């Protein structure tokens, strides 16, 4: 009986250490950001990333009216600058999209004609 209680204590201690290690790991540090804050993914959101710190693995949440907008992930700066939706681009249309950031530059535009071209519905997020 003494050994069983001691075994349970060792198991419990090991479990606690695993949980602590999990919460100290990178997964526990990932944050979630709502693009545009309370306004969501709308016009005049292009400056939203300014002053924020992003890490690879953080999640951007795009909330928007899917009848009016969408979210296009672009890989090339030239497509971002010209507001071109490249062939094979990932396009989100649910109105409640979640996108995990990769290390480096993450470029997003609205693919609705004229929205990105106005310069006000695209964001460039750099994740460390």
N, C-alpha and C. Protein backbone atom coordinates (compact mmCIF):
# COMPACT_ATOMS: atom_id res chain seq x y z
N UNK A 1 0.82 -1.18 0.00
CA UNK A 1 0.00 0.00 0.00
C UNK A 1 0.87 1.26 0.00
N UNK A 2 1.93 1.26 0.74
CA UNK A 2 2.84 2.40 0.80
C UNK A 2 3.42 2.71 -0.57
N UNK A 3 3.79 1.69 -1.32
CA UNK A 3 4.40 1.89 -2.63
C UNK A 3 3.40 2.45 -3.64
N UNK A 4 2.13 2.03 -3.53
CA UNK A 4 1.12 2.52 -4.46
C UNK A 4 0.91 4.03 -4.26
N UNK A 5 0.85 4.49 -3.06
CA UNK A 5 0.68 5.92 -2.78
C UNK A 5 1.87 6.71 -3.27
N UNK A 6 3.05 6.16 -3.10
CA UNK A 6 4.26 6.83 -3.56
C UNK A 6 4.28 6.89 -5.09
N UNK A 7 3.82 5.82 -5.73
CA UNK A 7 3.74 5.80 -7.19
C UNK A 7 2.75 6.84 -7.70
N UNK A 8 1.63 7.00 -7.01
CA UNK A 8 0.65 8.02 -7.40
C UNK A 8 1.24 9.42 -7.25
N UNK A 9 2.02 9.63 -6.20
CA UNK A 9 2.64 10.94 -5.98
C UNK A 9 3.64 11.25 -7.09
N UNK A 10 4.41 10.25 -7.49
CA UNK A 10 5.38 10.44 -8.57
C UNK A 10 4.66 10.74 -9.88
N UNK A 11 3.59 9.99 -10.15
CA UNK A 11 2.80 10.21 -11.37
C UNK A 11 2.22 11.63 -11.37
N UNK A 12 1.67 12.05 -10.24
CA UNK A 12 1.07 13.38 -10.14
C UNK A 12 2.12 14.47 -10.35
N UNK A 13 3.29 14.29 -9.75
CA UNK A 13 4.37 15.26 -9.92
C UNK A 13 4.81 15.33 -11.38
N UNK A 14 4.91 14.19 -12.04
CA UNK A 14 5.30 14.17 -13.45
C UNK A 14 4.24 14.86 -14.30
N UNK A 15 2.98 14.63 -13.99
CA UNK A 15 1.89 15.26 -14.72
C UNK A 15 1.93 16.77 -14.56
N UNK A 16 2.15 17.24 -13.34
CA UNK A 16 2.24 18.68 -13.08
C UNK A 16 3.40 19.28 -13.86
N UNK A 17 4.54 18.61 -13.89
CA UNK A 17 5.69 19.12 -14.65
C UNK A 17 5.38 19.21 -16.14
N UNK A 18 4.66 18.25 -16.68
CA UNK A 18 4.28 18.28 -18.09
C UNK A 18 3.36 19.46 -18.38
N UNK A 19 2.41 19.70 -17.51
CA UNK A 19 1.49 20.82 -17.69
C UNK A 19 2.25 22.14 -17.62
N UNK A 20 3.14 22.28 -16.66
CA UNK A 20 3.94 23.50 -16.54
C UNK A 20 4.79 23.70 -17.79
N UNK A 21 5.41 22.64 -18.28
CA UNK A 21 6.23 22.73 -19.48
C UNK A 21 5.39 23.14 -20.68
N UNK A 22 4.18 22.64 -20.78
CA UNK A 22 3.28 22.99 -21.88
C UNK A 22 2.96 24.48 -21.83
N UNK A 23 2.64 25.00 -20.66
CA UNK A 23 2.28 26.41 -20.56
C UNK A 23 3.48 27.33 -20.67
N UNK A 24 4.67 26.83 -20.49
CA UNK A 24 5.87 27.64 -20.69
C UNK A 24 6.38 27.53 -22.11
N UNK A 25 5.81 26.65 -22.91
CA UNK A 25 6.25 26.44 -24.28
C UNK A 25 5.68 27.47 -25.23
N UNK A 26 6.11 27.37 -26.48
CA UNK A 26 5.71 28.32 -27.51
C UNK A 26 4.21 28.28 -27.76
N UNK A 27 3.59 27.13 -27.70
CA UNK A 27 2.17 27.02 -27.97
C UNK A 27 1.36 27.87 -26.99
N UNK A 28 1.80 27.93 -25.75
CA UNK A 28 1.08 28.72 -24.76
C UNK A 28 1.27 30.21 -24.99
N UNK A 29 2.30 30.59 -25.71
CA UNK A 29 2.58 31.99 -25.95
C UNK A 29 1.85 32.54 -27.16
N UNK A 30 1.27 31.70 -27.98
CA UNK A 30 0.56 32.17 -29.17
C UNK A 30 -0.62 33.04 -28.75
N UNK A 31 -0.79 34.13 -29.47
CA UNK A 31 -1.87 35.07 -29.17
C UNK A 31 -2.85 35.11 -30.33
N UNK A 32 -4.01 35.63 -30.05
CA UNK A 32 -5.04 35.80 -31.06
C UNK A 32 -5.35 37.29 -31.16
N UNK A 33 -5.40 37.79 -32.39
CA UNK A 33 -5.66 39.20 -32.64
C UNK A 33 -6.86 39.33 -33.56
N UNK A 34 -7.80 40.18 -33.21
CA UNK A 34 -8.94 40.46 -34.09
C UNK A 34 -8.54 41.61 -34.99
N UNK A 35 -8.44 41.33 -36.28
CA UNK A 35 -8.04 42.35 -37.25
C UNK A 35 -9.07 43.47 -37.25
N UNK A 36 -8.58 44.69 -37.09
CA UNK A 36 -9.46 45.85 -37.04
C UNK A 36 -10.13 46.06 -35.70
N UNK A 37 -9.74 45.25 -34.71
CA UNK A 37 -10.32 45.31 -33.37
C UNK A 37 -11.85 45.19 -33.47
N UNK A 38 -12.59 46.02 -32.77
CA UNK A 38 -14.05 45.88 -32.72
C UNK A 38 -14.71 46.12 -34.08
N UNK A 39 -14.07 46.92 -34.95
CA UNK A 39 -14.65 47.21 -36.27
C UNK A 39 -14.57 46.01 -37.19
N UNK A 40 -13.54 45.20 -37.01
CA UNK A 40 -13.34 44.04 -37.87
C UNK A 40 -12.59 44.39 -39.15
N UNK A 41 -12.64 43.46 -40.10
CA UNK A 41 -11.96 43.58 -41.40
C UNK A 41 -12.84 44.45 -42.30
N UNK A 42 -12.56 45.75 -42.26
CA UNK A 42 -13.35 46.75 -43.00
C UNK A 42 -12.39 47.77 -43.61
N UNK A 43 -12.95 48.76 -44.28
CA UNK A 43 -12.12 49.84 -44.83
C UNK A 43 -11.36 50.54 -43.71
N UNK A 44 -10.24 51.14 -44.06
CA UNK A 44 -9.38 51.90 -43.13
C UNK A 44 -8.72 51.02 -42.08
N UNK A 45 -8.45 49.76 -42.42
CA UNK A 45 -7.81 48.84 -41.49
C UNK A 45 -6.31 48.71 -41.78
N UNK A 46 -5.83 49.37 -42.82
CA UNK A 46 -4.44 49.19 -43.26
C UNK A 46 -3.40 49.54 -42.20
N UNK A 47 -3.70 50.45 -41.29
CA UNK A 47 -2.76 50.81 -40.23
C UNK A 47 -2.92 49.99 -38.96
N UNK A 48 -3.88 49.08 -38.94
CA UNK A 48 -4.17 48.30 -37.74
C UNK A 48 -2.95 47.57 -37.16
N UNK A 49 -2.05 46.98 -37.98
CA UNK A 49 -0.92 46.26 -37.38
C UNK A 49 0.11 47.16 -36.68
N UNK A 50 0.10 48.46 -36.98
CA UNK A 50 1.11 49.37 -36.43
C UNK A 50 1.10 49.35 -34.90
N UNK A 51 2.29 49.18 -34.32
CA UNK A 51 2.45 49.20 -32.87
C UNK A 51 2.17 47.87 -32.19
N UNK A 52 1.81 46.87 -32.96
CA UNK A 52 1.55 45.55 -32.38
C UNK A 52 2.74 44.63 -32.65
N UNK A 53 2.97 43.69 -31.75
CA UNK A 53 4.04 42.70 -31.93
C UNK A 53 3.41 41.35 -32.21
N UNK A 54 3.84 40.74 -33.30
CA UNK A 54 3.29 39.45 -33.72
C UNK A 54 4.40 38.41 -33.73
N UNK A 55 4.02 37.18 -33.43
CA UNK A 55 4.96 36.05 -33.46
C UNK A 55 4.39 34.98 -34.38
N UNK A 56 5.28 34.20 -34.97
CA UNK A 56 4.84 33.04 -35.75
C UNK A 56 3.98 32.17 -34.85
N UNK A 57 2.86 31.71 -35.37
CA UNK A 57 1.93 30.90 -34.60
C UNK A 57 0.77 31.69 -34.03
N UNK A 58 0.92 33.02 -33.93
CA UNK A 58 -0.21 33.84 -33.51
C UNK A 58 -1.32 33.71 -34.55
N UNK A 59 -2.54 33.95 -34.13
CA UNK A 59 -3.70 33.83 -35.02
C UNK A 59 -4.32 35.19 -35.26
N UNK A 60 -4.58 35.48 -36.54
CA UNK A 60 -5.36 36.65 -36.90
C UNK A 60 -6.79 36.19 -37.13
N UNK A 61 -7.73 36.91 -36.53
CA UNK A 61 -9.15 36.62 -36.70
C UNK A 61 -9.74 37.72 -37.57
N UNK A 62 -10.27 37.33 -38.71
CA UNK A 62 -10.89 38.27 -39.64
C UNK A 62 -12.40 38.16 -39.51
N UNK A 63 -13.04 39.18 -38.97
CA UNK A 63 -14.50 39.24 -38.86
C UNK A 63 -15.00 40.27 -39.87
N UNK A 64 -15.93 39.85 -40.74
CA UNK A 64 -16.41 40.75 -41.79
C UNK A 64 -17.72 40.23 -42.37
N UNK A 65 -18.35 41.06 -43.16
CA UNK A 65 -19.57 40.67 -43.86
C UNK A 65 -19.16 39.92 -45.12
N UNK A 66 -19.42 38.62 -45.21
CA UNK A 66 -18.96 37.84 -46.37
C UNK A 66 -19.70 38.17 -47.67
N UNK A 67 -20.78 38.94 -47.59
CA UNK A 67 -21.46 39.37 -48.81
C UNK A 67 -20.74 40.53 -49.46
N UNK A 68 -19.85 41.18 -48.70
CA UNK A 68 -19.17 42.38 -49.19
C UNK A 68 -17.66 42.16 -49.34
N UNK A 69 -17.05 41.41 -48.41
CA UNK A 69 -15.60 41.29 -48.36
C UNK A 69 -15.17 39.82 -48.39
N UNK A 70 -13.86 39.64 -48.49
CA UNK A 70 -13.22 38.34 -48.31
C UNK A 70 -11.80 38.61 -47.82
N UNK A 71 -11.04 37.57 -47.62
CA UNK A 71 -9.64 37.70 -47.20
C UNK A 71 -8.81 36.85 -48.15
N UNK A 72 -7.84 37.48 -48.78
CA UNK A 72 -6.94 36.78 -49.70
C UNK A 72 -5.54 36.83 -49.11
N UNK A 73 -4.91 35.66 -49.01
CA UNK A 73 -3.53 35.58 -48.56
C UNK A 73 -2.65 35.66 -49.81
N UNK A 74 -1.80 36.67 -49.87
CA UNK A 74 -0.89 36.80 -51.01
C UNK A 74 0.53 36.57 -50.54
N UNK A 75 1.34 35.97 -51.39
CA UNK A 75 2.72 35.61 -51.02
C UNK A 75 3.74 36.64 -51.48
N UNK A 76 3.45 37.31 -52.58
CA UNK A 76 4.43 38.23 -53.19
C UNK A 76 4.07 39.69 -52.90
N UNK A 77 5.09 40.48 -52.58
CA UNK A 77 4.89 41.90 -52.34
C UNK A 77 4.30 42.59 -53.57
N UNK A 78 4.70 42.14 -54.76
CA UNK A 78 4.19 42.77 -55.98
C UNK A 78 2.68 42.57 -56.09
N UNK A 79 2.17 41.39 -55.71
CA UNK A 79 0.72 41.16 -55.73
C UNK A 79 0.02 42.00 -54.66
N UNK A 80 0.66 42.12 -53.50
CA UNK A 80 0.11 42.94 -52.42
C UNK A 80 0.03 44.40 -52.87
N UNK A 81 1.14 44.91 -53.42
CA UNK A 81 1.19 46.31 -53.83
C UNK A 81 0.22 46.62 -54.96
N UNK A 82 0.04 45.67 -55.88
CA UNK A 82 -0.86 45.90 -57.02
C UNK A 82 -2.28 45.42 -56.75
N UNK A 83 -2.51 44.83 -55.59
CA UNK A 83 -3.83 44.30 -55.20
C UNK A 83 -4.29 43.21 -56.15
N UNK A 84 -3.34 42.43 -56.65
CA UNK A 84 -3.66 41.33 -57.56
C UNK A 84 -3.92 40.06 -56.77
N UNK A 85 -5.02 39.39 -57.11
CA UNK A 85 -5.31 38.08 -56.51
C UNK A 85 -4.65 37.05 -57.43
N UNK A 86 -3.54 36.47 -56.99
CA UNK A 86 -2.83 35.53 -57.85
C UNK A 86 -3.56 34.20 -57.98
N UNK A 87 -3.31 33.52 -59.09
CA UNK A 87 -3.88 32.19 -59.29
C UNK A 87 -3.42 31.28 -58.15
N UNK A 88 -4.32 30.52 -57.62
CA UNK A 88 -3.99 29.58 -56.55
C UNK A 88 -3.91 30.19 -55.17
N UNK A 89 -4.22 31.47 -55.04
CA UNK A 89 -4.18 32.13 -53.72
C UNK A 89 -5.22 31.52 -52.80
N UNK A 90 -4.93 31.54 -51.51
CA UNK A 90 -5.90 31.10 -50.51
C UNK A 90 -6.87 32.24 -50.30
N UNK A 91 -8.16 31.96 -50.50
CA UNK A 91 -9.21 32.96 -50.33
C UNK A 91 -10.18 32.46 -49.27
N UNK A 92 -10.40 33.28 -48.25
CA UNK A 92 -11.34 32.96 -47.19
C UNK A 92 -12.63 33.75 -47.42
N UNK A 93 -13.76 33.12 -47.17
CA UNK A 93 -15.04 33.77 -47.45
C UNK A 93 -16.09 33.56 -46.37
N UNK A 94 -15.71 33.04 -45.21
CA UNK A 94 -16.72 32.69 -44.19
C UNK A 94 -17.22 33.89 -43.39
N UNK A 95 -16.41 34.94 -43.32
CA UNK A 95 -16.76 36.09 -42.48
C UNK A 95 -16.25 35.97 -41.06
N UNK A 96 -15.70 34.81 -40.72
CA UNK A 96 -15.12 34.57 -39.40
C UNK A 96 -13.91 33.65 -39.58
N UNK A 97 -12.89 34.18 -40.25
CA UNK A 97 -11.73 33.36 -40.61
C UNK A 97 -10.61 33.53 -39.61
N UNK A 98 -9.88 32.43 -39.37
CA UNK A 98 -8.73 32.45 -38.50
C UNK A 98 -7.52 31.97 -39.28
N UNK A 99 -6.46 32.78 -39.25
CA UNK A 99 -5.26 32.48 -40.02
C UNK A 99 -4.05 32.53 -39.09
N UNK A 100 -3.28 31.44 -39.06
CA UNK A 100 -2.06 31.40 -38.25
C UNK A 100 -0.95 32.10 -39.02
N UNK A 101 -0.21 32.94 -38.31
CA UNK A 101 0.89 33.67 -38.93
C UNK A 101 2.12 32.79 -39.08
N UNK A 102 2.85 33.00 -40.15
CA UNK A 102 4.13 32.35 -40.35
C UNK A 102 5.22 33.37 -40.06
N UNK A 103 6.41 32.89 -39.80
CA UNK A 103 7.53 33.79 -39.52
C UNK A 103 7.81 34.63 -40.76
N UNK A 104 7.99 35.92 -40.55
CA UNK A 104 8.26 36.84 -41.66
C UNK A 104 7.02 37.60 -42.06
N UNK A 105 6.95 37.92 -43.33
CA UNK A 105 5.89 38.76 -43.85
C UNK A 105 4.62 37.96 -44.16
N UNK A 106 3.48 38.46 -43.71
CA UNK A 106 2.17 37.88 -43.97
C UNK A 106 1.33 38.99 -44.61
N UNK A 107 0.88 38.75 -45.82
CA UNK A 107 0.20 39.78 -46.59
C UNK A 107 -1.25 39.37 -46.85
N UNK A 108 -2.18 40.29 -46.58
CA UNK A 108 -3.60 40.02 -46.74
C UNK A 108 -4.27 41.17 -47.47
N UNK A 109 -5.15 40.84 -48.40
CA UNK A 109 -5.92 41.85 -49.10
C UNK A 109 -7.39 41.42 -49.16
N UNK A 110 -8.26 42.38 -49.42
CA UNK A 110 -9.64 42.05 -49.75
C UNK A 110 -9.68 41.94 -51.27
N UNK A 111 -10.21 40.84 -51.77
CA UNK A 111 -10.24 40.60 -53.21
C UNK A 111 -11.43 41.20 -53.92
N UNK A 112 -12.34 41.85 -53.19
CA UNK A 112 -13.47 42.50 -53.83
C UNK A 112 -12.94 43.68 -54.64
N UNK A 113 -13.31 43.76 -55.92
CA UNK A 113 -12.77 44.83 -56.77
C UNK A 113 -12.94 46.22 -56.15
N UNK A 114 -11.83 46.95 -56.12
CA UNK A 114 -11.80 48.31 -55.60
C UNK A 114 -11.49 48.43 -54.12
N UNK A 115 -11.68 47.38 -53.35
CA UNK A 115 -11.47 47.48 -51.90
C UNK A 115 -9.99 47.58 -51.55
N UNK A 116 -9.17 46.72 -52.08
CA UNK A 116 -7.73 46.80 -51.83
C UNK A 116 -7.13 48.00 -52.56
N UNK A 117 -7.60 48.24 -53.77
CA UNK A 117 -7.05 49.32 -54.59
C UNK A 117 -7.19 50.68 -53.92
N UNK A 118 -8.17 50.81 -53.06
CA UNK A 118 -8.32 52.06 -52.33
C UNK A 118 -7.17 52.26 -51.35
N UNK A 119 -6.39 51.18 -51.13
CA UNK A 119 -5.26 51.23 -50.22
C UNK A 119 -5.66 51.07 -48.77
N UNK A 120 -6.93 50.85 -48.54
CA UNK A 120 -7.43 50.85 -47.17
C UNK A 120 -7.93 49.49 -46.70
N UNK A 121 -7.81 48.48 -47.54
CA UNK A 121 -8.28 47.17 -47.10
C UNK A 121 -7.24 46.13 -47.45
N UNK A 122 -6.05 46.35 -46.89
CA UNK A 122 -4.96 45.39 -47.01
C UNK A 122 -4.04 45.62 -45.82
N UNK A 123 -3.47 44.53 -45.33
CA UNK A 123 -2.54 44.64 -44.20
C UNK A 123 -1.31 43.80 -44.45
N UNK A 124 -0.22 44.30 -43.92
CA UNK A 124 1.08 43.63 -43.98
C UNK A 124 1.49 43.39 -42.52
N UNK A 125 1.56 42.13 -42.13
CA UNK A 125 1.86 41.75 -40.75
C UNK A 125 3.18 40.98 -40.74
N UNK A 126 4.15 41.46 -40.01
CA UNK A 126 5.43 40.78 -39.89
C UNK A 126 5.49 40.07 -38.54
N UNK A 127 5.73 38.76 -38.60
CA UNK A 127 5.78 37.96 -37.38
C UNK A 127 7.21 37.52 -37.11
N UNK A 128 7.63 37.67 -35.87
CA UNK A 128 8.97 37.27 -35.46
C UNK A 128 9.04 35.77 -35.25
